[in-house]
Amino acid sequence: MPISVAQRAAALLTASAVLCLTAGCSDDGGDTPAASRPSGTGGLPALTEQQLEWDTCPPPSPAEGGGAAPSPLPGGEPWECAFLTTPLDWSKPDGETIELALIRARARDNARRIGSLVFNFGGPGGSGVSALPGFATEYETLRSRYDLVSFDPRGVGRSEPVECMTDKELDAYYAMDFTPDDLAEERTLSDAQKTYAAGCEKDAGPVLPYVGTENAARDMDLLRQVLGDDKLHYFGISYGTELGGVYAHLFPERVGRAVFDAVVDPDAGVEDGALGQAKGFQLALDNFAQDCVDRGDECALPGSTVAEIEEGVTDLLTSLDEKPITGIGSRKLTQTQATNGIAQALYSKEFWPYLEQGLEAADAGDGALLLALSDSMNGRGENGGYSNIQAANAAINCVDFKERYTLGQAKERLPQFREASPVFGDFMGWALSSCSQWPVPGAWDHPDVSAPGAAPILVIGNTGDPATPYEGARAMVQALGKGVGVELTYEGEGHGAYNGGNACVKKAVDGYLLDGKVPASGTVCK
């Protein structure tokens, strides 16, 4: 697969709700800089008055995904990076502190500058420091009046990253069978979950209890104060909408102009959320297959109906369960990796041609393209190193949600998951047990995002979104409360709407963030 495709895939994945088809998500990542380890005491007054030391941005750390330092902005201006000092435990603001990595692009028109616009691109587990430069041109209009700011949340990237396995161990872990067919395979899966969780605890034990969303929301309010803003202007994508909703609940009076895109359903617990994703990815696969049918002979996949094309996909996955095929180098394409690769390609309609090519090649015994897509999902670079996106994803989800499903309980729920999705159901069902061995208890059944008195929050739902199904936007609007959530519907494909190229969506978002014009709730963009 060309490097440009892999880079784009990584960027889009960062701006997504990570599909955790594996039973616990993982990483080896990179070195933790001394500046981001627990470091002394400070106290909240001192922390709110800290001066950020902005400097030239270094290349992304291995945990952030590696690569080159960010290229200059479209006008030639440099990106700036810094560290924010924040309490490790917000219930003890005078205790130990950690450092959170930040990135900033200064506003072009300082005379008309509104303030800072803080981004969270999702995951949880995505590095905002590495993601924001990848979308620089798409947010250039917003930079006219905002400093664009993003960060690596605690446990992510350069901000005290959670890491659980070595790169070599992760290669084996991601290749294993996460849909056991018998008791022996169930024991193998259970042992792997236990080993994985133990690795996370060994690496990040003191930090692990504090990587949850509520602490991240409190970090954002500290960031707001240190940046000098009276209100938090915010753009949250995917999991970033959940983080934004929790922030709005904790600090409703401090919400400025905010946009939630690709919205997580705040009412869904672990099971309902996973079931919704199974349905969402199945819908996206249906739409992909229908597009293939509509193109007739131009489509390389066998079958003249959606059902026939999808039968070919399930037949491929079944055969891979029995015998993996050639992948990249010495690595084989397994059933788990193929399913991950298919899911990754469904995040954006832009990737549908690669999914078609990958499926055609795999049918012929060449699994390289699907494996490359799976690697992008898991944060694996071409050098064999992993970012910590999946490890952070597991750590944050497991400390957020109380539910702990055993393998047996997950197995009992497989029929409803298979009904929701013949392709993804087994994987999403078994993945309910991902936190079963986690050493830290969870905080909630689902997040509270009620925010009475908050400023209007523009909530965008995409009817074809696989990872955060459209229904989540309506649920978020209702949960935020009367007069807060403003619903906008985008009738399109892919995960998220603003970067989807739709002029109607862009006009509505830019109009609100730049000029304060709130669109009518119920607006539909096609």
Protein backbone atom coordinates (compact mmCIF):
# COMPACT_ATOMS: atom_id res chain seq x y z
CA MET A 1 0.00 0.00 0.00
CA PRO A 2 1.47 3.45 -0.84
CA ILE A 3 2.88 5.37 2.10
CA SER A 4 0.49 8.26 1.52
CA VAL A 5 -2.49 5.94 2.01
CA ALA A 6 -1.03 4.54 5.22
CA GLN A 7 -0.41 8.03 6.57
CA ARG A 8 -3.93 9.13 5.72
CA ALA A 9 -5.33 5.98 7.32
CA ALA A 10 -3.44 6.71 10.52
CA ALA A 11 -4.73 10.27 10.60
CA LEU A 12 -8.34 9.21 10.08
CA LEU A 13 -8.02 6.47 12.68
CA THR A 14 -6.83 9.02 15.24
CA ALA A 15 -9.99 10.97 14.56
CA SER A 16 -12.16 7.97 15.33
CA ALA A 17 -13.68 5.86 18.03
CA VAL A 18 -11.23 3.00 17.96
CA LEU A 19 -12.90 -0.29 17.07
CA CYS A 20 -11.46 -2.72 19.60
CA LEU A 21 -11.95 -6.08 17.91
CA THR A 22 -9.15 -7.50 19.99
CA ALA A 23 -9.83 -8.48 23.58
CA GLY A 24 -8.01 -5.55 25.12
CA CYS A 25 -6.10 -3.04 23.02
CA SER A 26 -2.39 -2.58 23.19
CA ASP A 27 0.97 -1.01 22.47
CA ASP A 28 4.69 -0.89 22.99
CA GLY A 29 5.00 2.81 22.20
CA GLY A 30 8.16 4.63 23.14
CA ASP A 31 10.25 6.19 25.83
CA THR A 32 8.51 8.34 28.41
CA PRO A 33 10.34 11.67 28.65
CA ALA A 34 11.45 12.61 32.13
CA ALA A 35 9.31 15.74 31.94
CA SER A 36 6.12 13.68 31.70
CA ARG A 37 6.65 11.38 34.66
CA PRO A 38 5.02 12.13 38.04
CA SER A 39 7.00 15.13 39.22
CA GLY A 40 6.67 16.71 42.62
CA THR A 41 3.92 18.92 43.99
CA GLY A 42 2.48 22.24 43.06
CA GLY A 43 -1.03 23.07 44.19
CA LEU A 44 -3.90 24.34 42.03
CA PRO A 45 -3.26 28.10 42.35
CA ALA A 46 0.31 27.62 41.18
CA LEU A 47 -0.82 25.36 38.35
CA THR A 48 -3.40 27.83 37.03
CA GLU A 49 -0.73 30.53 36.91
CA GLN A 50 1.93 28.45 35.16
CA GLN A 51 3.56 29.87 32.06
CA LEU A 52 3.70 27.52 29.09
CA GLU A 53 7.09 27.33 27.42
CA TRP A 54 6.19 27.11 23.74
CA ASP A 55 9.00 25.91 21.49
CA THR A 56 9.65 24.23 18.16
CA CYS A 57 7.84 20.89 17.92
CA PRO A 58 10.00 17.76 17.96
CA PRO A 59 9.18 14.70 15.84
CA PRO A 60 6.34 12.63 17.31
CA SER A 61 7.50 10.14 19.93
CA PRO A 62 7.13 6.41 19.21
CA ALA A 63 4.06 6.38 21.46
CA GLU A 64 2.57 9.19 19.34
CA GLY A 65 3.22 7.19 16.18
CA GLY A 66 6.68 8.42 15.24
CA GLY A 67 7.57 10.12 11.99
CA ALA A 68 8.87 13.56 11.09
CA ALA A 69 8.28 16.83 12.92
CA PRO A 70 5.17 18.65 11.66
CA SER A 71 5.63 20.63 8.46
CA PRO A 72 5.07 24.39 8.58
CA LEU A 73 1.51 25.69 8.36
CA PRO A 74 0.10 26.76 4.97
CA GLY A 75 1.43 30.29 5.48
CA GLY A 76 4.83 29.07 6.55
CA GLU A 77 4.31 29.62 10.28
CA PRO A 78 5.74 26.96 12.61
CA TRP A 79 3.84 24.70 14.94
CA GLU A 80 4.59 25.25 18.63
CA CYS A 81 4.73 22.62 21.37
CA ALA A 82 4.78 22.78 25.17
CA PHE A 83 3.92 20.79 28.32
CA LEU A 84 1.09 21.55 30.75
CA THR A 85 1.60 20.53 34.39
CA THR A 86 -1.54 19.01 35.92
CA PRO A 87 -2.36 17.02 39.08
CA LEU A 88 -2.00 13.26 38.77
CA ASP A 89 -5.02 12.88 41.07
CA TRP A 90 -7.52 15.73 40.82
CA SER A 91 -8.91 14.88 44.26
CA LYS A 92 -5.45 15.81 45.57
CA PRO A 93 -4.46 18.91 43.59
CA ASP A 94 -1.52 19.56 45.94
CA GLY A 95 -0.07 16.11 45.28
CA GLU A 96 2.02 14.64 42.49
CA THR A 97 1.83 16.14 39.02
CA ILE A 98 2.23 14.90 35.46
CA GLU A 99 2.98 16.73 32.21
CA LEU A 100 0.62 16.78 29.21
CA ALA A 101 2.01 17.41 25.73
CA LEU A 102 0.43 20.32 23.81
CA ILE A 103 0.59 21.64 20.25
CA ARG A 104 -0.54 25.02 18.92
CA ALA A 105 -0.95 26.90 15.65
CA ARG A 106 -1.39 30.63 16.23
CA ALA A 107 -4.36 32.50 14.76
CA ARG A 108 -3.69 34.32 11.50
CA ASP A 109 -5.69 37.45 12.35
CA ASN A 110 -4.63 38.44 15.84
CA ALA A 111 -6.77 41.61 15.79
CA ARG A 112 -9.94 39.50 15.38
CA ARG A 113 -8.75 36.54 17.47
CA ILE A 114 -11.52 34.90 19.54
CA GLY A 115 -9.26 32.70 21.65
CA SER A 116 -8.04 29.11 21.54
CA LEU A 117 -10.01 26.28 19.90
CA VAL A 118 -9.14 23.02 21.65
CA PHE A 119 -9.43 19.76 19.71
CA ASN A 120 -9.80 16.16 20.80
CA PHE A 121 -9.78 13.76 17.85
CA GLY A 122 -11.07 10.69 19.63
CA GLY A 123 -10.09 7.15 20.41
CA PRO A 124 -9.92 7.28 23.32
CA GLY A 125 -6.18 7.03 22.94
CA GLY A 126 -5.52 9.25 19.91
CA SER A 127 -2.60 11.68 20.08
CA GLY A 128 -3.84 15.19 19.43
CA VAL A 129 -0.27 16.42 19.10
CA SER A 130 0.36 14.16 16.10
CA ALA A 131 -3.19 14.37 14.65
CA LEU A 132 -3.77 18.13 14.46
CA PRO A 133 -0.99 18.85 11.94
CA GLY A 134 -2.37 16.09 9.71
CA PHE A 135 -5.62 18.05 9.37
CA ALA A 136 -4.05 21.53 9.22
CA THR A 137 -5.41 22.47 5.80
CA GLU A 138 -8.93 21.37 6.72
CA TYR A 139 -9.03 23.67 9.76
CA GLU A 140 -7.26 26.61 8.12
CA THR A 141 -10.49 28.63 7.96
CA LEU A 142 -10.93 28.26 11.71
CA ARG A 143 -7.33 29.40 12.27
CA SER A 144 -8.31 32.81 10.91
CA ARG A 145 -9.67 33.71 14.37
CA TYR A 146 -8.50 30.92 16.70
CA ASP A 147 -5.26 29.52 17.96
CA LEU A 148 -5.71 25.83 17.11
CA VAL A 149 -4.67 23.76 20.14
CA SER A 150 -4.62 20.04 20.82
CA PHE A 151 -3.02 17.74 23.36
CA ASP A 152 -2.16 14.19 24.27
CA PRO A 153 -4.59 13.31 27.09
CA ARG A 154 -3.17 11.58 30.14
CA GLY A 155 -2.06 8.04 29.29
CA VAL A 156 -1.68 8.94 25.61
CA GLY A 157 1.31 9.64 23.38
CA ARG A 158 3.83 11.86 25.14
CA SER A 159 1.59 12.37 28.22
CA GLU A 160 2.57 9.54 30.58
CA PRO A 161 1.77 6.86 27.97
CA VAL A 162 0.31 3.53 29.03
CA GLU A 163 2.27 0.73 27.36
CA CYS A 164 1.57 -2.95 27.81
CA MET A 165 3.69 -5.16 25.54
CA THR A 166 6.80 -5.03 23.38
CA ASP A 167 6.43 -4.60 19.64
CA LYS A 168 7.23 -8.27 19.05
CA GLU A 169 4.68 -9.34 21.65
CA LEU A 170 2.08 -7.09 20.04
CA ASP A 171 2.65 -8.66 16.62
CA ALA A 172 1.73 -12.03 18.12
CA TYR A 173 -1.10 -10.60 20.22
CA TYR A 174 -2.87 -8.91 17.30
CA ALA A 175 -2.50 -12.02 15.15
CA MET A 176 -4.18 -14.35 17.64
CA ASP A 177 -7.74 -15.66 17.42
CA PHE A 178 -10.14 -13.40 19.30
CA THR A 179 -13.24 -15.43 18.37
CA PRO A 180 -12.62 -18.77 20.13
CA ASP A 181 -14.32 -21.86 18.73
CA ASP A 182 -13.75 -24.23 21.66
CA LEU A 183 -12.73 -24.30 25.32
CA ALA A 184 -9.02 -24.55 24.52
CA GLU A 185 -9.18 -21.37 22.44
CA GLU A 186 -11.21 -19.67 25.17
CA ARG A 187 -8.47 -20.46 27.70
CA THR A 188 -5.86 -19.09 25.30
CA LEU A 189 -7.82 -15.86 24.95
CA SER A 190 -8.31 -15.56 28.72
CA ASP A 191 -4.59 -16.08 29.32
CA ALA A 192 -3.75 -13.42 26.73
CA GLN A 193 -6.10 -10.92 28.36
CA LYS A 194 -4.50 -11.61 31.73
CA THR A 195 -0.97 -11.21 30.37
CA TYR A 196 -1.91 -8.01 28.60
CA ALA A 197 -3.53 -6.40 31.65
CA ALA A 198 -0.58 -7.41 33.83
CA GLY A 199 1.77 -5.73 31.37
CA CYS A 200 -0.22 -2.50 31.50
CA GLU A 201 -0.20 -2.55 35.30
CA LYS A 202 3.53 -3.22 35.44
CA ASP A 203 4.30 -0.37 33.06
CA ALA A 204 1.85 2.28 34.26
CA GLY A 205 0.66 1.11 37.68
CA PRO A 206 0.77 4.45 39.57
CA VAL A 207 -0.88 6.32 36.69
CA LEU A 208 -3.41 3.69 35.57
CA PRO A 209 -6.23 4.66 37.99
CA TYR A 210 -6.13 8.29 36.85
CA VAL A 211 -6.35 8.12 33.06
CA GLY A 212 -10.16 8.34 32.91
CA THR A 213 -12.33 10.84 31.09
CA GLU A 214 -13.34 12.92 34.10
CA ASN A 215 -9.71 13.65 34.93
CA ALA A 216 -9.10 14.52 31.28
CA ALA A 217 -12.03 16.95 31.37
CA ARG A 218 -10.56 18.64 34.45
CA ASP A 219 -7.23 18.84 32.61
CA MET A 220 -9.01 20.69 29.81
CA ASP A 221 -10.38 23.25 32.22
CA LEU A 222 -6.90 23.84 33.60
CA LEU A 223 -5.66 24.19 30.01
CA ARG A 224 -8.40 26.75 29.36
CA GLN A 225 -7.23 28.84 32.30
CA VAL A 226 -3.55 28.61 31.42
CA LEU A 227 -4.31 29.60 27.81
CA GLY A 228 -6.04 32.70 29.18
CA ASP A 229 -9.58 31.97 27.97
CA ASP A 230 -12.71 32.73 29.99
CA LYS A 231 -14.60 30.01 28.10
CA LEU A 232 -13.50 26.73 26.52
CA HIS A 233 -14.02 26.80 22.77
CA TYR A 234 -13.93 23.17 21.75
CA PHE A 235 -14.09 20.80 18.77
CA GLY A 236 -14.61 17.17 19.82
CA ILE A 237 -14.68 14.28 17.37
CA SER A 238 -15.89 10.76 18.22
CA TYR A 239 -14.71 9.97 21.77
CA GLY A 240 -13.93 13.69 21.89
CA THR A 241 -17.70 14.26 22.04
CA GLU A 242 -17.91 12.12 25.18
CA LEU A 243 -15.01 14.05 26.70
CA GLY A 244 -16.68 17.31 25.71
CA GLY A 245 -19.98 16.20 27.20
CA VAL A 246 -18.35 15.33 30.51
CA TYR A 247 -16.61 18.72 30.48
CA ALA A 248 -19.94 20.47 29.85
CA HIS A 249 -21.49 18.57 32.78
CA LEU A 250 -18.67 19.50 35.15
CA PHE A 251 -18.26 23.12 33.98
CA PRO A 252 -21.47 24.23 32.17
CA GLU A 253 -20.82 27.91 32.82
CA ARG A 254 -17.40 27.66 31.14
CA VAL A 255 -18.58 26.20 27.82
CA GLY A 256 -17.87 28.55 24.93
CA ARG A 257 -18.55 27.75 21.28
CA ALA A 258 -18.42 23.97 21.00
CA VAL A 259 -18.93 21.41 18.26
CA PHE A 260 -19.42 17.65 18.70
CA ASP A 261 -18.88 15.63 15.50
CA ALA A 262 -19.29 11.81 15.15
CA VAL A 263 -21.15 11.58 18.42
CA VAL A 264 -20.80 8.85 21.04
CA ASP A 265 -24.13 7.84 22.59
CA PRO A 266 -23.82 9.01 26.22
CA ASP A 267 -26.63 6.70 27.37
CA ALA A 268 -24.93 3.52 26.14
CA GLY A 269 -22.99 1.26 28.46
CA VAL A 270 -20.38 -1.23 27.30
CA GLU A 271 -22.82 -3.77 25.86
CA ASP A 272 -25.14 -1.31 24.15
CA GLY A 273 -22.18 0.63 22.79
CA ALA A 274 -20.58 -2.49 21.33
CA LEU A 275 -23.88 -3.67 19.87
CA GLY A 276 -24.39 -0.25 18.30
CA GLN A 277 -20.94 -0.40 16.73
CA ALA A 278 -21.63 -3.88 15.36
CA LYS A 279 -24.75 -2.53 13.67
CA GLY A 280 -22.92 0.58 12.50
CA PHE A 281 -20.07 -1.29 10.85
CA GLN A 282 -22.52 -3.73 9.29
CA LEU A 283 -24.46 -0.79 7.84
CA ALA A 284 -21.24 0.67 6.44
CA LEU A 285 -20.35 -2.72 4.90
CA ASP A 286 -23.86 -2.94 3.41
CA ASN A 287 -23.38 0.50 1.86
CA PHE A 288 -19.95 -0.49 0.52
CA ALA A 289 -21.42 -3.65 -1.01
CA GLN A 290 -24.35 -1.73 -2.50
CA ASP A 291 -21.92 0.69 -4.12
CA CYS A 292 -20.12 -2.32 -5.59
CA VAL A 293 -23.40 -3.70 -6.97
CA ASP A 294 -24.30 -0.31 -8.45
CA ARG A 295 -20.98 -0.19 -10.34
CA GLY A 296 -21.63 -3.56 -11.96
CA ASP A 297 -18.66 -4.93 -13.89
CA GLU A 298 -16.46 -2.11 -12.62
CA CYS A 299 -16.47 -3.78 -9.20
CA ALA A 300 -13.80 -6.45 -8.82
CA LEU A 301 -15.68 -8.50 -6.21
CA PRO A 302 -17.80 -11.51 -7.15
CA GLY A 303 -21.54 -11.30 -6.65
CA SER A 304 -24.42 -9.34 -8.13
CA THR A 305 -26.23 -8.55 -4.86
CA VAL A 306 -25.24 -7.16 -1.46
CA ALA A 307 -25.88 -10.57 0.09
CA GLU A 308 -23.61 -12.34 -2.41
CA ILE A 309 -20.77 -9.86 -1.93
CA GLU A 310 -21.00 -10.11 1.85
CA GLU A 311 -21.15 -13.90 1.64
CA GLY A 312 -17.77 -13.70 -0.08
CA VAL A 313 -16.44 -11.63 2.84
CA THR A 314 -17.68 -14.11 5.45
CA ASP A 315 -16.29 -17.04 3.42
CA LEU A 316 -12.90 -15.32 3.33
CA LEU A 317 -12.91 -14.77 7.10
CA THR A 318 -13.94 -18.37 7.73
CA SER A 319 -11.10 -19.66 5.59
CA LEU A 320 -8.61 -17.38 7.37
CA ASP A 321 -9.74 -18.79 10.71
CA GLU A 322 -8.60 -22.18 9.46
CA LYS A 323 -5.49 -21.08 7.55
CA PRO A 324 -3.88 -17.60 7.46
CA ILE A 325 -2.43 -16.40 4.16
CA THR A 326 0.65 -14.48 3.06
CA GLY A 327 0.75 -10.98 4.49
CA ILE A 328 3.75 -8.66 4.75
CA GLY A 329 7.22 -10.18 5.02
CA SER A 330 7.07 -13.11 7.40
CA ARG A 331 3.77 -11.97 8.91
CA LYS A 332 0.58 -13.76 7.90
CA LEU A 333 -2.91 -12.32 7.55
CA THR A 334 -5.18 -13.92 10.16
CA GLN A 335 -8.93 -13.77 10.56
CA THR A 336 -8.65 -11.15 13.31
CA GLN A 337 -6.35 -8.93 11.27
CA ALA A 338 -8.51 -9.22 8.17
CA THR A 339 -11.58 -8.17 10.15
CA ASN A 340 -9.65 -5.24 11.61
CA GLY A 341 -8.53 -4.24 8.12
CA ILE A 342 -12.07 -4.36 6.76
CA ALA A 343 -13.30 -2.22 9.66
CA GLN A 344 -10.50 0.30 9.18
CA ALA A 345 -11.44 0.77 5.52
CA LEU A 346 -15.07 1.45 6.49
CA TYR A 347 -14.16 4.55 8.52
CA SER A 348 -14.11 6.61 5.33
CA LYS A 349 -15.62 6.23 1.86
CA GLU A 350 -12.20 7.38 0.67
CA PHE A 351 -10.90 3.91 1.63
CA TRP A 352 -13.55 1.85 -0.16
CA PRO A 353 -11.34 1.31 -3.24
CA TYR A 354 -8.60 -0.10 -0.97
CA LEU A 355 -11.11 -2.40 0.70
CA GLU A 356 -12.21 -3.68 -2.69
CA GLN A 357 -8.58 -4.23 -3.75
CA GLY A 358 -7.72 -5.84 -0.43
CA LEU A 359 -10.60 -8.30 -0.54
CA GLU A 360 -9.87 -9.22 -4.15
CA ALA A 361 -6.19 -9.78 -3.37
CA ALA A 362 -6.93 -11.82 -0.24
CA ASP A 363 -9.25 -14.09 -2.22
CA ALA A 364 -6.22 -14.76 -4.43
CA GLY A 365 -4.00 -15.51 -1.41
CA ASP A 366 -2.35 -12.09 -0.96
CA GLY A 367 -3.21 -10.52 2.39
CA ALA A 368 -0.75 -7.59 2.30
CA LEU A 369 -3.27 -4.78 1.79
CA LEU A 370 -5.74 -5.96 4.45
CA LEU A 371 -2.83 -6.47 6.84
CA ALA A 372 -1.58 -2.93 6.15
CA LEU A 373 -5.05 -1.59 6.94
CA SER A 374 -5.14 -3.65 10.13
CA ASP A 375 -1.72 -2.29 11.10
CA SER A 376 -3.07 1.22 10.71
CA MET A 377 -5.99 0.34 12.99
CA ASN A 378 -3.57 -0.96 15.63
CA GLY A 379 -1.06 1.87 15.36
CA ARG A 380 1.75 -0.19 13.82
CA GLY A 381 4.27 1.74 11.76
CA GLU A 382 6.22 0.45 8.77
CA ASN A 383 9.27 0.04 11.03
CA GLY A 384 7.37 -2.46 13.18
CA GLY A 385 6.91 -0.10 16.13
CA TYR A 386 3.50 0.57 17.66
CA SER A 387 2.00 3.81 18.92
CA ASN A 388 0.18 3.53 22.22
CA ILE A 389 -3.27 4.33 20.80
CA GLN A 390 -4.71 0.89 21.56
CA ALA A 391 -3.10 0.57 24.99
CA ALA A 392 -4.49 3.96 25.97
CA ASN A 393 -7.85 3.02 24.50
CA ALA A 394 -8.04 -0.02 26.75
CA ALA A 395 -6.81 1.85 29.82
CA ILE A 396 -9.25 4.73 29.48
CA ASN A 397 -12.26 2.58 28.62
CA CYS A 398 -11.60 0.14 31.45
CA VAL A 399 -11.18 2.84 34.08
CA ASP A 400 -14.28 4.68 32.81
CA PHE A 401 -16.82 1.84 32.64
CA LYS A 402 -17.83 -0.39 35.57
CA GLU A 403 -18.99 -3.42 33.60
CA ARG A 404 -16.69 -6.43 33.74
CA TYR A 405 -17.90 -9.23 31.43
CA THR A 406 -16.36 -12.66 31.79
CA LEU A 407 -15.72 -14.73 28.68
CA GLY A 408 -18.74 -16.83 29.63
CA GLN A 409 -20.98 -13.77 29.84
CA ALA A 410 -19.67 -12.50 26.51
CA LYS A 411 -20.34 -15.92 24.97
CA GLU A 412 -23.96 -15.82 26.16
CA ARG A 413 -24.51 -12.57 24.25
CA LEU A 414 -23.10 -13.75 20.94
CA PRO A 415 -26.49 -14.52 19.32
CA GLN A 416 -27.64 -10.90 19.46
CA PHE A 417 -24.28 -9.68 18.17
CA ARG A 418 -24.36 -12.16 15.28
CA GLU A 419 -27.85 -10.98 14.43
CA ALA A 420 -26.61 -7.38 14.44
CA SER A 421 -23.68 -8.19 12.15
CA PRO A 422 -22.74 -11.49 10.47
CA VAL A 423 -19.26 -10.07 9.81
CA PHE A 424 -18.40 -8.11 12.96
CA GLY A 425 -20.78 -9.63 15.51
CA ASP A 426 -18.51 -12.38 16.85
CA PHE A 427 -15.60 -9.99 17.31
CA MET A 428 -17.63 -7.29 19.01
CA GLY A 429 -19.38 -9.84 21.21
CA TRP A 430 -16.24 -11.55 22.46
CA ALA A 431 -14.61 -8.13 22.95
CA LEU A 432 -17.08 -7.45 25.79
CA SER A 433 -14.61 -9.37 27.96
CA SER A 434 -11.76 -6.94 27.17
CA CYS A 435 -11.71 -5.45 30.69
CA SER A 436 -12.35 -8.73 32.54
CA GLN A 437 -8.77 -8.93 33.86
CA TRP A 438 -8.21 -5.19 34.32
CA PRO A 439 -6.52 -4.28 37.64
CA VAL A 440 -8.37 -0.97 38.14
CA PRO A 441 -12.15 -0.65 38.76
CA GLY A 442 -14.35 1.42 36.47
CA ALA A 443 -16.12 4.67 37.39
CA TRP A 444 -19.55 4.71 35.75
CA ASP A 445 -22.28 2.82 33.93
CA HIS A 446 -22.29 5.62 31.36
CA PRO A 447 -21.11 9.24 31.46
CA ASP A 448 -23.29 12.05 32.77
CA VAL A 449 -23.32 14.85 30.19
CA SER A 450 -26.28 16.88 31.42
CA ALA A 451 -25.25 20.52 31.20
CA PRO A 452 -28.08 22.89 32.18
CA GLY A 453 -27.16 26.50 31.55
CA ALA A 454 -24.34 25.74 29.11
CA ALA A 455 -23.97 27.68 25.87
CA PRO A 456 -25.33 26.00 22.72
CA ILE A 457 -23.33 22.96 21.58
CA LEU A 458 -23.59 22.02 17.91
CA VAL A 459 -24.06 18.22 17.72
CA ILE A 460 -23.52 16.61 14.29
CA GLY A 461 -24.77 13.13 13.44
CA ASN A 462 -23.79 11.29 10.24
CA THR A 463 -26.36 8.79 8.98
CA GLY A 464 -23.68 6.47 7.54
CA ASP A 465 -21.22 6.60 10.42
CA PRO A 466 -19.95 3.08 11.29
CA ALA A 467 -18.14 3.73 14.57
CA THR A 468 -20.51 6.20 16.24
CA PRO A 469 -23.96 5.41 14.81
CA TYR A 470 -26.24 8.30 13.94
CA GLU A 471 -28.61 7.64 16.86
CA GLY A 472 -25.91 8.80 19.28
CA ALA A 473 -26.29 12.41 18.15
CA ARG A 474 -29.96 12.54 19.09
CA ALA A 475 -29.20 10.90 22.44
CA MET A 476 -26.47 13.47 23.12
CA VAL A 477 -28.78 16.38 22.30
CA GLN A 478 -31.39 15.06 24.71
CA ALA A 479 -28.86 14.29 27.44
CA LEU A 480 -27.21 17.72 27.28
CA GLY A 481 -30.57 19.25 28.09
CA LYS A 482 -33.07 21.72 26.70
CA GLY A 483 -31.53 24.68 24.95
CA VAL A 484 -28.01 23.25 24.97
CA GLY A 485 -27.73 20.58 22.27
CA VAL A 486 -28.34 21.82 18.70
CA GLU A 487 -28.81 18.90 16.30
CA LEU A 488 -27.45 18.87 12.76
CA THR A 489 -27.80 15.82 10.52
CA TYR A 490 -25.41 14.94 7.70
CA GLU A 491 -26.73 12.36 5.25
CA GLY A 492 -23.42 10.87 4.23
CA GLU A 493 -20.85 8.12 4.69
CA GLY A 494 -17.82 7.77 6.91
CA HIS A 495 -16.83 8.61 10.46
CA GLY A 496 -17.48 12.28 11.11
CA ALA A 497 -18.91 15.05 8.97
CA TYR A 498 -16.82 18.26 9.05
CA ASN A 499 -13.90 16.74 7.16
CA GLY A 500 -16.18 14.89 4.75
CA GLY A 501 -16.19 17.66 2.14
CA ASN A 502 -19.84 18.69 2.57
CA ALA A 503 -20.23 22.45 2.06
CA CYS A 504 -23.45 22.63 4.12
CA VAL A 505 -21.82 21.08 7.20
CA LYS A 506 -18.72 23.24 6.88
CA LYS A 507 -20.79 26.41 6.52
CA ALA A 508 -22.83 25.57 9.64
CA VAL A 509 -19.77 24.76 11.78
CA ASP A 510 -17.69 27.70 10.58
CA GLY A 511 -20.64 30.05 11.00
CA TYR A 512 -21.03 29.05 14.62
CA LEU A 513 -17.39 28.89 15.64
CA LEU A 514 -16.29 32.03 13.80
CA ASP A 515 -19.38 34.24 13.94
CA GLY A 516 -21.51 32.78 16.73
CA LYS A 517 -24.40 31.96 14.34
CA VAL A 518 -26.25 28.97 15.81
CA PRO A 519 -27.99 26.94 13.07
CA ALA A 520 -31.57 25.87 13.59
CA SER A 521 -31.76 22.60 15.50
CA GLY A 522 -32.88 19.86 13.13
CA THR A 523 -30.96 21.23 10.13
CA VAL A 524 -30.20 18.51 7.55
CA CYS A 525 -27.20 18.60 5.22
CA LYS A 526 -27.12 16.28 2.18
